[in-house]
Amino acid sequence: MRFIRSQHSRVPVEIADREATYLKLRQQRIADSNALFVELQDCQVAVYIQLGWDGVDELFNEILELRSEVVLAIDNMCGSIDDDTIEARRLKIEWRKIYSGDYSANDELGMKQQKAIKLLQQKLFPVARHNAGKN
C-alpha cells in the first residue's frame, strides 16, 4: 500500500496543480495492485488450511480493510473534488490523511498497516523457515 499512498508522486509539471490528476494516479495504483491483494487473500486461505487461524486471520483482514479505507477515501474525494462547503473541506482533510501517508508516527493508517504486517511476519516466518528446511 505504500505504492498507493506515496506522497512522492511524479506528475508532469503542467498538470501538477490539479488534484484530480493525483487522484487518478492513485486510482491507477490501486488497479495495478489488485492482483497482489487477490494473492494476499489466496494466502489467507492457504494459511488457514495449513495452520488454522490463531489470530492470523485478523491480521490479513486488517490489511485488506486498510486498503478498502484507502480506496473509499480516494473514491469519496473524487466525488467531492468540486465541493467547497465547510463540511466537504473537513472531510477532504480526513480523506487525505487516509489515502496519503508517510508512515511516520503521525500517520495512523500507516502505523496500523505496519503493525499488522509485522505481527503477520512474526507469526508466519517461523513456519515458512520450518517448511523451507523440509525441501
Protein backbone atom coordinates (compact mmCIF):
# COMPACT_ATOMS: atom_id res chain seq x y z
CA MET A 1 0.00 0.00 0.00
CA ARG A 2 2.98 2.30 0.28
CA PHE A 3 2.92 2.43 -3.50
CA ILE A 4 -0.70 3.65 -3.45
CA ARG A 5 -0.32 6.09 -0.55
CA SER A 6 3.06 7.58 -1.51
CA GLN A 7 3.28 11.34 -1.18
CA HIS A 8 6.06 11.41 -3.77
CA SER A 9 4.03 11.08 -6.94
CA ARG A 10 5.60 12.08 -10.22
CA VAL A 11 3.19 14.15 -12.26
CA PRO A 12 4.09 16.39 -15.22
CA VAL A 13 4.57 19.99 -14.07
CA GLU A 14 1.92 21.39 -16.43
CA ILE A 15 -0.82 19.41 -14.67
CA ALA A 16 0.66 19.09 -11.19
CA ASP A 17 -1.66 21.69 -9.70
CA ARG A 18 -4.74 19.61 -10.42
CA GLU A 19 -5.76 17.45 -7.50
CA ALA A 20 -7.79 15.24 -9.82
CA THR A 21 -4.53 14.23 -11.52
CA TYR A 22 -3.14 12.88 -8.26
CA LEU A 23 -6.38 11.07 -7.50
CA LYS A 24 -6.37 9.39 -10.93
CA LEU A 25 -2.76 8.36 -10.34
CA ARG A 26 -3.73 6.79 -7.03
CA GLN A 27 -6.70 5.03 -8.65
CA GLN A 28 -4.33 3.60 -11.25
CA ARG A 29 -2.01 2.43 -8.49
CA ILE A 30 -4.94 0.66 -6.84
CA ALA A 31 -5.81 -1.05 -10.11
CA ASP A 32 -2.16 -2.00 -10.62
CA SER A 33 -2.04 -3.63 -7.18
CA ASN A 34 -5.33 -5.57 -7.43
CA ALA A 35 -3.59 -8.84 -8.33
CA LEU A 36 -1.33 -8.53 -5.30
CA PHE A 37 -4.31 -8.20 -2.98
CA VAL A 38 -6.07 -11.15 -4.62
CA GLU A 39 -2.87 -13.10 -3.96
CA LEU A 40 -2.96 -11.93 -0.33
CA GLN A 41 -6.49 -13.29 0.00
CA ASP A 42 -5.35 -16.59 -1.51
CA CYS A 43 -2.52 -16.71 1.04
CA GLN A 44 -5.04 -16.11 3.79
CA VAL A 45 -6.92 -19.25 2.73
CA ALA A 46 -3.70 -21.27 2.40
CA VAL A 47 -2.60 -20.25 5.90
CA TYR A 48 -5.95 -21.32 7.28
CA ILE A 49 -5.73 -24.70 5.58
CA GLN A 50 -2.20 -25.34 6.86
CA LEU A 51 -2.19 -23.62 10.26
CA GLY A 52 -5.69 -22.68 11.32
CA TRP A 53 -6.37 -19.05 12.21
CA ASP A 54 -4.61 -18.46 15.54
CA GLY A 55 -5.02 -14.70 15.15
CA VAL A 56 -3.58 -14.67 11.65
CA ASP A 57 -6.97 -14.19 10.00
CA GLU A 58 -7.48 -10.90 11.85
CA LEU A 59 -4.12 -9.63 10.60
CA PHE A 60 -4.91 -10.47 6.98
CA ASN A 61 -8.32 -8.83 7.40
CA GLU A 62 -6.75 -5.72 8.95
CA ILE A 63 -4.50 -5.24 5.91
CA LEU A 64 -7.40 -5.78 3.50
CA GLU A 65 -9.67 -3.42 5.47
CA LEU A 66 -6.99 -0.71 5.49
CA ARG A 67 -6.75 -0.99 1.71
CA SER A 68 -10.53 -0.66 1.49
CA GLU A 69 -10.35 2.51 3.59
CA VAL A 70 -7.81 3.96 1.16
CA VAL A 71 -9.94 3.05 -1.86
CA LEU A 72 -13.05 4.55 -0.25
CA ALA A 73 -11.23 7.77 0.71
CA ILE A 74 -9.99 8.21 -2.86
CA ASP A 75 -13.45 7.50 -4.29
CA ASN A 76 -15.05 9.95 -1.84
CA MET A 77 -12.50 12.59 -2.74
CA CYS A 78 -13.12 12.13 -6.47
CA GLY A 79 -16.85 12.56 -5.91
CA SER A 80 -16.35 15.74 -3.86
CA ILE A 81 -13.50 17.39 -5.71
CA ASP A 82 -15.56 20.47 -6.63
CA ASP A 83 -17.47 20.68 -3.34
CA ASP A 84 -16.14 23.58 -1.31
CA THR A 85 -18.55 23.59 1.62
CA ILE A 86 -17.17 23.70 5.15
CA GLU A 87 -18.19 20.07 5.73
CA ALA A 88 -16.59 18.95 2.46
CA ARG A 89 -13.35 20.71 3.36
CA ARG A 90 -13.32 18.96 6.74
CA LEU A 91 -13.95 15.57 5.13
CA LYS A 92 -11.26 16.16 2.49
CA ILE A 93 -8.69 16.69 5.23
CA GLU A 94 -9.66 13.34 6.77
CA TRP A 95 -9.68 11.56 3.41
CA ARG A 96 -6.22 12.91 2.55
CA LYS A 97 -4.88 11.51 5.83
CA ILE A 98 -6.18 8.11 4.78
CA TYR A 99 -5.08 7.97 1.14
CA SER A 100 -1.77 9.77 1.52
CA GLY A 101 0.77 8.95 4.17
CA ASP A 102 4.43 8.98 5.07
CA TYR A 103 4.32 6.11 7.60
CA SER A 104 5.58 8.33 10.40
CA ALA A 105 4.19 8.18 13.93
CA ASN A 106 1.55 10.74 12.88
CA ASP A 107 0.24 8.52 10.08
CA GLU A 108 -2.42 6.47 11.86
CA LEU A 109 -3.32 4.24 8.92
CA GLY A 110 0.35 3.67 8.06
CA MET A 111 1.10 2.67 11.66
CA LYS A 112 -1.82 0.20 11.68
CA GLN A 113 -0.60 -1.29 8.41
CA GLN A 114 2.99 -1.65 9.62
CA LYS A 115 1.85 -3.23 12.90
CA ALA A 116 -0.35 -5.78 11.11
CA ILE A 117 2.44 -6.70 8.67
CA LYS A 118 5.00 -7.03 11.46
CA LEU A 119 2.72 -9.29 13.50
CA LEU A 120 1.88 -11.35 10.43
CA GLN A 121 5.59 -11.78 9.70
CA GLN A 122 6.25 -12.82 13.29
CA LYS A 123 3.57 -15.49 13.09
CA LEU A 124 4.39 -16.79 9.62
CA PHE A 125 8.18 -16.56 9.27
CA PRO A 126 8.94 -19.40 11.70
CA VAL A 127 6.55 -21.69 9.81
CA ALA A 128 7.97 -20.62 6.44
CA ARG A 129 11.53 -21.29 7.67
CA HIS A 130 10.49 -24.70 9.01
CA ASN A 131 8.77 -25.61 5.74
CA ALA A 132 11.72 -24.33 3.68
CA GLY A 133 14.03 -26.65 5.62
CA LYS A 134 11.95 -29.66 4.56
CA ASN A 135 12.68 -29.11 0.86
